[in-house]
């Protein structure tokens, strides 16, 4: 009985003691980290002031001054030049890359990537290599895409997009096929590759993994790779619906940004595709390819049984050069079936968003056509 009465207070005391130790330890760690960071800033400040002219000299001078020998000054100089030259292009970037390589900064980061066992070193080195933009780092970053640590894989993918070439497209796409790196990181990395990488991306459209083909098609569209149109047209018959969708959107995106000739027949045939995501993509893209000639197709797609297909078709229809006229034809039509009323509702929404109704009423008022105004108002009141 005595043991039963004493035991609960002892347990509570032990739990409170452990909780107190954990809280005190966390506070001590936070305080120590803050103190270390502030001390580092105080010691770095005079060095930064002394080296304030170095980044400009590296970017502008044909022969830049060498990096300091002192470890602290060397680190500060490296970080200052990285921050100042990261966003530069042309000769300034070339001079900065050469300065990093000549002073051993790239080689140091590569060595740590290959030999360091501490978890925090390799991700930081991968990011630093990406910011230094040296092509010497591309191969070690490509190897890092298979690292057991997800942080190393993610940072290597980000960095490889900045320093890689068409030879490293397969490495990035295969990382998605293995599901080793998130899709968003790989998409951003592929977008940052130089235009010469388009050939490698087009070759990756033959990847056996559907998710990889889908991503590559999306990236090619975002890069406006006009040389990929023919291969993307072949993907319109892919067995995977997401791949067909991205191929349609990519073709439409390329046609909107580059002066390329696109055969609209295979695209318009997909308006009857079994997958609603493909039909929605056709509704989004066909208007940018055909212009006003897409009106009959889009008017038909406004009556699609899927709400989002109808919604996208109405949007594209109302955004055509003569979209107000075409949208009004659907809105004033005599089709009062379920699909017909859905099409009217979608067109009414997008005509309001695009100002088509206001323009129509203004035109009628300018003509002074009271009969047409009465009909227009009657249609809008339905």
Protein backbone atom coordinates (compact mmCIF):
# COMPACT_ATOMS: atom_id res chain seq x y z
CA UNK A 1 0.00 0.00 0.00
CA UNK A 2 2.85 2.38 0.85
CA UNK A 3 4.58 1.54 -2.43
CA UNK A 4 1.38 2.22 -4.34
CA UNK A 5 1.05 5.63 -2.72
CA UNK A 6 4.67 6.64 -3.28
CA UNK A 7 5.17 5.39 -6.84
CA UNK A 8 3.03 7.92 -8.77
CA UNK A 9 4.75 10.99 -7.26
CA UNK A 10 8.14 9.47 -8.09
CA UNK A 11 7.11 8.86 -11.69
CA UNK A 12 5.82 12.40 -12.01
CA UNK A 13 9.05 13.77 -10.55
CA UNK A 14 11.15 11.75 -13.01
CA UNK A 15 9.05 12.86 -15.99
CA UNK A 16 9.25 16.50 -14.91
CA UNK A 17 12.98 16.15 -14.41
CA UNK A 18 13.50 14.73 -17.91
CA UNK A 19 11.27 17.42 -19.40
CA UNK A 20 13.29 20.09 -17.61
CA UNK A 21 16.57 18.64 -18.85
CA UNK A 22 15.28 18.59 -22.43
CA UNK A 23 14.04 22.19 -22.25
CA UNK A 24 17.27 23.41 -20.68
CA UNK A 25 19.32 21.53 -23.27
CA UNK A 26 17.33 23.02 -26.16
CA UNK A 27 17.66 26.53 -24.75
CA UNK A 28 21.38 26.04 -24.25
CA UNK A 29 21.83 24.79 -27.82
CA UNK A 30 19.84 27.72 -29.26
CA UNK A 31 21.78 30.22 -27.17
CA UNK A 32 25.13 28.67 -28.14
CA UNK A 33 24.22 28.70 -31.84
CA UNK A 34 23.08 32.32 -31.65
CA UNK A 35 26.25 33.33 -29.80
CA UNK A 36 28.45 31.49 -32.32
CA UNK A 37 26.65 33.14 -35.26
CA UNK A 38 26.90 36.61 -33.78
CA UNK A 39 30.57 36.10 -32.91
CA UNK A 40 31.23 34.97 -36.47
CA UNK A 41 29.49 38.06 -37.84
CA UNK A 42 31.55 40.34 -35.61
CA UNK A 43 34.81 38.72 -36.70
CA UNK A 44 33.80 38.70 -40.39
CA UNK A 45 32.73 42.36 -40.52
CA UNK A 46 36.24 43.92 -40.70
CA UNK A 47 37.32 41.29 -43.23
CA UNK A 48 34.32 42.09 -45.43
CA UNK A 49 35.15 45.78 -45.28
CA UNK A 50 38.75 45.08 -46.23
CA UNK A 51 37.70 42.93 -49.20
CA UNK A 52 34.79 45.12 -50.34
CA UNK A 53 36.40 45.83 -53.73
CA UNK A 54 37.14 42.16 -54.51
CA UNK A 55 33.78 41.12 -56.12
CA UNK A 56 33.88 43.99 -58.62
CA UNK A 57 37.50 43.21 -59.47
CA UNK A 58 36.66 39.54 -60.06
CA UNK A 59 33.73 40.38 -62.36
CA UNK A 60 35.32 43.26 -64.29
CA UNK A 61 39.10 42.82 -64.36
CA UNK A 62 40.70 40.56 -66.90
CA UNK A 63 43.23 39.46 -64.27
CA UNK A 64 41.51 39.33 -60.87
CA UNK A 65 43.44 39.45 -57.59
CA UNK A 66 44.03 36.07 -55.93
CA UNK A 67 42.02 34.92 -52.94
CA UNK A 68 43.51 35.56 -49.48
CA UNK A 69 45.51 32.83 -47.75
CA UNK A 70 44.07 33.32 -44.26
CA UNK A 71 41.25 30.75 -43.76
CA UNK A 72 38.71 33.27 -42.46
CA UNK A 73 39.50 35.84 -45.14
CA UNK A 74 39.43 33.10 -47.76
CA UNK A 75 35.95 31.95 -46.71
CA UNK A 76 34.64 35.51 -46.57
CA UNK A 77 36.09 36.30 -50.00
CA UNK A 78 34.49 33.19 -51.49
CA UNK A 79 31.04 33.99 -50.08
CA UNK A 80 31.25 37.65 -51.13
CA UNK A 81 32.13 36.78 -54.71
CA UNK A 82 29.43 34.08 -54.88
CA UNK A 83 26.73 36.48 -53.67
CA UNK A 84 27.87 39.26 -56.01
CA UNK A 85 28.32 37.22 -59.20
CA UNK A 86 25.67 34.49 -58.93
CA UNK A 87 23.11 36.32 -61.10
CA UNK A 88 25.61 37.67 -63.66
CA UNK A 89 25.86 36.48 -67.27
CA UNK A 90 28.35 36.69 -70.09
CA UNK A 91 31.98 37.59 -69.52
CA UNK A 92 31.42 38.58 -65.90
CA UNK A 93 30.19 35.09 -65.04
CA UNK A 94 33.02 33.48 -67.00
CA UNK A 95 35.60 35.53 -65.06
CA UNK A 96 33.97 34.61 -61.75
CA UNK A 97 33.93 30.90 -62.61
CA UNK A 98 37.58 31.07 -63.63
CA UNK A 99 38.45 32.82 -60.32
CA UNK A 100 36.69 30.09 -58.30
CA UNK A 101 38.53 27.37 -60.20
CA UNK A 102 41.95 29.06 -60.15
CA UNK A 103 41.77 29.61 -56.39
CA UNK A 104 40.69 26.05 -55.61
CA UNK A 105 37.20 26.80 -54.26
CA UNK A 106 35.50 24.44 -56.71
CA UNK A 107 38.03 21.68 -56.07
CA UNK A 108 37.61 22.04 -52.29
CA UNK A 109 33.84 21.67 -52.51
CA UNK A 110 34.18 18.65 -54.83
CA UNK A 111 36.60 16.99 -52.39
CA UNK A 112 34.15 17.45 -49.51
CA UNK A 113 31.32 16.09 -51.66
CA UNK A 114 33.33 12.94 -52.34
CA UNK A 115 34.92 12.35 -48.91
CA UNK A 116 32.98 14.08 -46.15
CA UNK A 117 30.90 11.81 -43.93
CA UNK A 118 29.12 14.54 -41.98
CA UNK A 119 25.51 14.92 -43.09
CA UNK A 120 25.50 18.71 -43.14
CA UNK A 121 28.63 19.23 -45.24
CA UNK A 122 27.65 17.62 -48.53
CA UNK A 123 24.30 19.41 -49.06
CA UNK A 124 25.97 22.75 -48.31
CA UNK A 125 28.82 21.96 -50.72
CA UNK A 126 26.35 20.92 -53.45
CA UNK A 127 24.51 24.23 -53.17
CA UNK A 128 27.80 26.11 -53.19
CA UNK A 129 28.94 24.31 -56.33
CA UNK A 130 25.67 25.25 -58.02
CA UNK A 131 26.12 28.90 -57.08
CA UNK A 132 29.71 28.93 -58.34
CA UNK A 133 28.42 27.65 -61.73
CA UNK A 134 31.58 25.71 -62.59
CA UNK A 135 31.12 22.88 -65.14
CA UNK A 136 33.85 20.95 -63.29
CA UNK A 137 31.28 20.08 -60.64
CA UNK A 138 28.72 18.53 -63.00
CA UNK A 139 29.89 14.93 -62.76
CA UNK A 140 30.14 14.81 -58.96
CA UNK A 141 26.70 16.42 -58.71
CA UNK A 142 25.28 13.81 -61.09
CA UNK A 143 26.71 11.08 -58.84
CA UNK A 144 25.10 12.80 -55.86
CA UNK A 145 21.66 12.11 -57.35
CA UNK A 146 22.08 8.52 -56.10
CA UNK A 147 23.23 9.48 -52.59
CA UNK A 148 21.39 7.72 -49.73
CA UNK A 149 20.69 11.10 -48.07
CA UNK A 150 17.65 12.79 -49.60
CA UNK A 151 19.04 16.24 -48.78
CA UNK A 152 22.15 15.54 -50.85
CA UNK A 153 20.02 14.26 -53.76
CA UNK A 154 17.75 17.31 -53.71
CA UNK A 155 20.58 19.86 -53.52
CA UNK A 156 22.58 18.04 -56.19
CA UNK A 157 19.59 18.17 -58.55
CA UNK A 158 19.17 21.90 -57.94
CA UNK A 159 22.87 22.56 -58.48
CA UNK A 160 23.13 20.31 -61.55
CA UNK A 161 20.47 22.40 -63.27
CA UNK A 162 22.84 25.37 -63.01
CA UNK A 163 26.07 23.70 -64.12
CA UNK A 164 24.96 20.68 -66.16
CA UNK A 165 24.74 20.21 -69.92
CA UNK A 166 22.81 17.99 -72.31
CA UNK A 167 24.99 15.09 -71.12
CA UNK A 168 23.34 15.28 -67.69
CA UNK A 169 19.69 15.34 -68.79
CA UNK A 170 19.47 11.55 -68.47
CA UNK A 171 20.77 11.71 -64.89
CA UNK A 172 18.04 14.15 -63.86
CA UNK A 173 15.24 12.31 -65.68
CA UNK A 174 16.35 8.94 -64.29
CA UNK A 175 16.23 10.42 -60.77
CA UNK A 176 12.51 11.02 -61.33
CA UNK A 177 12.03 7.51 -62.74
CA UNK A 178 13.61 6.15 -59.52
CA UNK A 179 11.46 8.57 -57.44
CA UNK A 180 14.66 9.74 -55.72
CA UNK A 181 14.06 13.50 -56.13
CA UNK A 182 10.74 15.40 -56.02
CA UNK A 183 9.24 16.33 -59.36
CA UNK A 184 9.22 20.07 -58.64
CA UNK A 185 12.96 20.17 -57.95
CA UNK A 186 13.76 18.21 -61.11
CA UNK A 187 11.44 20.33 -63.23
CA UNK A 188 13.17 23.50 -62.06
CA UNK A 189 16.59 21.95 -62.68
CA UNK A 190 15.69 20.91 -66.24
CA UNK A 191 14.32 24.36 -66.98
CA UNK A 192 17.63 25.98 -66.01
CA UNK A 193 19.74 23.90 -68.39
CA UNK A 194 21.18 25.67 -71.43
CA UNK A 195 19.25 25.58 -74.75
CA UNK A 196 21.67 22.91 -76.02
CA UNK A 197 19.99 20.50 -73.59
CA UNK A 198 16.79 20.42 -75.69
CA UNK A 199 18.20 17.57 -77.78
CA UNK A 200 18.79 15.51 -74.65
CA UNK A 201 15.30 16.25 -73.39
CA UNK A 202 13.73 15.20 -76.69
CA UNK A 203 15.62 11.90 -76.49
CA UNK A 204 14.21 11.36 -72.99
CA UNK A 205 10.68 11.30 -74.38
CA UNK A 206 11.42 7.62 -75.08
CA UNK A 207 11.92 6.90 -71.36
CA UNK A 208 9.93 3.79 -70.36
CA UNK A 209 8.61 5.52 -67.23
CA UNK A 210 5.36 7.42 -67.92
CA UNK A 211 6.02 9.96 -65.15
CA UNK A 212 9.38 10.78 -66.74
CA UNK A 213 7.83 11.26 -70.20
CA UNK A 214 5.15 13.47 -68.65
CA UNK A 215 7.71 15.68 -66.92
CA UNK A 216 9.94 15.99 -69.99
CA UNK A 217 6.98 16.96 -72.19
CA UNK A 218 5.96 19.60 -69.67
CA UNK A 219 9.51 21.01 -69.47
CA UNK A 220 9.87 21.14 -73.26
CA UNK A 221 6.67 23.17 -73.46
CA UNK A 222 7.87 25.57 -70.78
CA UNK A 223 11.21 25.94 -72.56
CA UNK A 224 9.36 26.65 -75.85
CA UNK A 225 11.53 24.05 -77.59
CA UNK A 226 10.32 24.40 -81.18
CA UNK A 227 12.47 21.46 -82.29
CA UNK A 228 10.42 19.14 -80.08
CA UNK A 229 7.05 19.65 -81.81
CA UNK A 230 7.29 16.64 -84.11
CA UNK A 231 8.24 14.31 -81.29
CA UNK A 232 5.51 15.75 -79.06
CA UNK A 233 2.98 15.12 -81.82
CA UNK A 234 3.91 11.44 -81.61
CA UNK A 235 3.22 11.49 -77.88
CA UNK A 236 -0.42 12.38 -78.61
CA UNK A 237 -0.90 8.62 -79.06
CA UNK A 238 0.88 7.65 -75.82
CA UNK A 239 -0.85 5.03 -73.73
CA UNK A 240 -0.70 7.20 -70.58
CA UNK A 241 -3.32 9.95 -70.36
CA UNK A 242 -1.10 12.32 -68.31
CA UNK A 243 1.56 12.09 -71.03
CA UNK A 244 -0.97 12.91 -73.75
CA UNK A 245 -2.21 15.86 -71.68
CA UNK A 246 1.28 17.32 -71.21
CA UNK A 247 2.08 16.78 -74.90
CA UNK A 248 -1.03 18.76 -75.90
CA UNK A 249 -0.24 21.57 -73.45
CA UNK A 250 3.40 21.65 -74.56
CA UNK A 251 2.47 21.92 -78.24
CA UNK A 252 0.06 24.73 -77.45
CA UNK A 253 2.66 26.52 -75.33
CA UNK A 254 5.31 26.24 -78.04
CA UNK A 255 2.89 27.44 -80.73
CA UNK A 256 2.04 30.46 -78.60
CA UNK A 257 5.69 31.48 -78.09
CA UNK A 258 7.44 30.38 -81.28
CA UNK A 259 6.53 30.67 -84.95
CA UNK A 260 6.09 26.97 -85.73
CA UNK A 261 3.59 25.22 -87.96
CA UNK A 262 1.44 22.67 -86.14
CA UNK A 263 -0.96 20.23 -87.77
CA UNK A 264 -4.20 20.77 -85.80
CA UNK A 265 -5.90 17.56 -86.94
CA UNK A 266 -4.32 15.18 -84.36
CA UNK A 267 -5.00 17.72 -81.62
CA UNK A 268 -8.63 18.29 -82.55
CA UNK A 269 -9.16 14.51 -82.74
CA UNK A 270 -8.34 14.31 -79.02
CA UNK A 271 -11.43 16.35 -78.15
CA UNK A 272 -13.14 12.94 -78.01
CA UNK A 273 -10.43 11.31 -75.89
CA UNK A 274 -11.66 9.00 -73.13
CA UNK A 275 -9.67 10.93 -70.48
CA UNK A 276 -11.19 14.23 -69.40
CA UNK A 277 -7.75 15.64 -68.54
CA UNK A 278 -6.74 15.23 -72.19
CA UNK A 279 -9.92 16.87 -73.46
CA UNK A 280 -9.38 19.74 -71.02
CA UNK A 281 -5.84 20.19 -72.37
CA UNK A 282 -7.18 20.30 -75.93
CA UNK A 283 -9.71 22.94 -74.89
CA UNK A 284 -6.89 24.99 -73.36
CA UNK A 285 -4.46 24.73 -76.29
CA UNK A 286 -6.40 24.52 -79.52
CA UNK A 287 -7.30 28.22 -79.49
CA UNK A 288 -3.65 29.32 -79.39
CA UNK A 289 -2.94 27.17 -82.44
CA UNK A 290 -5.95 27.85 -84.67
CA UNK A 291 -7.15 31.25 -83.48
CA UNK A 292 -10.72 32.03 -84.60
CA UNK A 293 -10.73 28.83 -86.67
CA UNK A 294 -10.96 26.91 -83.39
CA UNK A 295 -14.41 28.34 -82.65
CA UNK A 296 -16.45 25.38 -83.99
CA UNK A 297 -14.34 22.90 -82.01
CA UNK A 298 -14.50 24.94 -78.81
CA UNK A 299 -18.23 25.59 -79.17
CA UNK A 300 -18.73 21.83 -79.36
CA UNK A 301 -16.47 21.21 -76.38
CA UNK A 302 -18.42 23.71 -74.29
CA UNK A 303 -21.10 21.00 -74.20
CA UNK A 304 -18.77 18.33 -72.85
CA UNK A 305 -20.21 16.21 -70.04
CA UNK A 306 -17.22 17.03 -67.83
CA UNK A 307 -17.55 20.40 -66.11
CA UNK A 308 -13.86 21.33 -66.30
CA UNK A 309 -13.64 20.53 -70.02
CA UNK A 310 -16.66 22.75 -70.63
CA UNK A 311 -15.18 25.46 -68.40
CA UNK A 312 -11.80 25.46 -70.20
CA UNK A 313 -13.44 25.38 -73.63
CA UNK A 314 -15.57 28.41 -72.74
CA UNK A 315 -12.51 30.25 -71.47
CA UNK A 316 -10.55 29.57 -74.67
CA UNK A 317 -13.55 30.44 -76.83
CA UNK A 318 -14.08 33.79 -75.12
CA UNK A 319 -10.37 34.62 -75.31
CA UNK A 320 -10.22 34.23 -79.09
CA UNK A 321 -9.78 37.44 -81.13
CA UNK A 322 -13.51 37.28 -81.95
CA UNK A 323 -14.35 35.51 -78.71
CA UNK A 324 -17.14 37.86 -77.69
CA UNK A 325 -19.08 36.98 -80.85
CA UNK A 326 -18.52 33.23 -80.52
CA UNK A 327 -19.33 33.22 -76.82
CA UNK A 328 -22.54 35.11 -77.46
CA UNK A 329 -23.58 32.60 -80.13
CA UNK A 330 -23.35 29.82 -77.53
CA UNK A 331 -25.08 31.94 -74.91
CA UNK A 332 -27.95 32.87 -77.21
CA UNK A 333 -28.33 29.36 -78.64
CA UNK A 334 -31.53 27.35 -78.43
CA UNK A 335 -29.95 24.27 -76.86
CA UNK A 336 -31.57 23.94 -73.42
CA UNK A 337 -30.34 20.43 -72.65
CA UNK A 338 -28.21 19.80 -69.56
CA UNK A 339 -24.99 20.14 -71.57
CA UNK A 340 -26.36 23.16 -73.44
CA UNK A 341 -27.18 25.02 -70.23
CA UNK A 342 -23.79 24.08 -68.82
CA UNK A 343 -22.15 25.56 -71.93
CA UNK A 344 -24.20 28.75 -71.57
CA UNK A 345 -23.27 29.12 -67.91
CA UNK A 346 -19.56 28.67 -68.69
CA UNK A 347 -19.64 31.15 -71.57
CA UNK A 348 -21.57 33.69 -69.48
CA UNK A 349 -18.93 33.46 -66.74
CA UNK A 350 -16.04 33.98 -69.13
CA UNK A 351 -17.75 36.71 -71.13
CA UNK A 352 -18.19 38.58 -67.85
CA UNK A 353 -14.53 38.01 -66.95
CA UNK A 354 -13.22 39.09 -70.35
CA UNK A 355 -15.58 42.07 -70.72
CA UNK A 356 -17.40 40.58 -73.71
CA UNK A 357 -20.88 41.46 -72.44
CA UNK A 358 -19.96 45.08 -71.73
CA UNK A 359 -18.44 45.45 -75.20
CA UNK A 360 -21.53 43.95 -76.84
CA UNK A 361 -23.88 46.32 -75.02
CA UNK A 362 -21.65 49.31 -75.86
CA UNK A 363 -21.68 48.34 -79.55
CA UNK A 364 -25.48 48.04 -79.50
CA UNK A 365 -25.81 51.42 -77.79
CA UNK A 366 -23.55 53.02 -80.39
CA UNK A 367 -25.69 51.58 -83.20
CA UNK A 368 -28.87 52.62 -81.43
CA UNK A 369 -30.42 49.19 -82.09
CA UNK A 370 -33.14 48.99 -79.44
CA UNK A 371 -34.46 45.65 -80.67
CA UNK A 372 -31.05 43.99 -80.36
CA UNK A 373 -30.66 45.51 -76.88
CA UNK A 374 -33.97 44.02 -75.79
CA UNK A 375 -32.97 40.60 -77.09
CA UNK A 376 -29.58 40.82 -75.39
CA UNK A 377 -31.06 41.74 -72.03
CA UNK A 378 -33.67 38.99 -72.36
CA UNK A 379 -30.93 36.39 -72.96
CA UNK A 380 -28.97 37.62 -69.96
CA UNK A 381 -32.01 37.41 -67.73
CA UNK A 382 -32.64 33.72 -68.54
